[in-house]
Amino acid sequence: MLFRSRTMPLAFRNEAQAAWFEGMEGALRHFGGVPHEVLLDNARALVDRHDPVTRTVAFNARLSAFARYWEFEPHACAPYRARTKGKDENGVGYVKKNAIAGRTFETWSGLEAHLDRWMREVSDVRVHGTTGEPPIVRFLRDEAQALKPLPQKPPFGHMRDLLRRVQADCCVEIDRVFYSVPWRLIGARVTVQIAAGRVLISHGGQAVAEHAEGARRERVLDPAHFHGVAGFGGAVRATHATDAPTLLRPLAEYEAIAGGRW
């Protein structure tokens, strides 16, 4: 499996999910941005189910989290359809036949160095049969500007993506550390992402809290999350006997109106 990174192509010995993610991140860094949509093959590491009749696609949960992390919309190739599956496979075949076939390499790094040189000197500058111009020219003129800015984030592999339910104390617990969220979300299920020392909590696709990662048994609280909760941020006023309401009539009269004793 081949991807291009910021410095040189990345070659992988397998199609494990981690290899897919590392390769795609390398491609994003190389091109300097994120496309709005990414067309994927129906690899088992990415797609759980793709019905060729209804075109219903169930992406792997981890792939869906990866797409949310880098802010693109995934699409799967339509099985046996030349306009999508064919285009996807044609690129693979071109690399195999033009760059690799008939060659041997003593080391893995030697393979990657060869691919880097081949892409710069052959693939990027040849006249493409469909567009009639070198791919690098078309990319710099038309496609680079269509990419969204690349977010300054650590690799997805360094991130944890969790689900938690907000407890009665307005917090979610992760590794024995408690992080606050707005009190109105008590009982709700939220998504928690941990990366680069930050904890981002979302609900319904919207960020609702962000904290620095805390130490074990620490309570990391944002006072704004408790605004409107009685007693937070100050002493709770005790209720004394003198504060009890005064009955203006005998209790028996109230019982008679209610139809008997309570």
Foldseek 3Di string as FASTA:
>chain_A
DWAAALQWIDDDPDDALVVVLVRVNRNCRNLQFAAQEDEDECDVNFWVDADLPVRDTDTDPVNVVSCVVFNHHYDYFRPPDCVGPVVVVVVVVCCCVPQPPPDDDPDPVRSGVSRRCCCVPPQQADQDPPPRGGNVVCCVPPPSVNGHGGDPFDRPVQKDKDKFAQACVQWTDDQQETEHFANVRHGPIWIWMDGPQKIWIGDPSHTGDIDGDDDHNYYHYDVVSCPPPACPPHHHDDDDPVNDDDDPDDPVVVQVVVPHDD
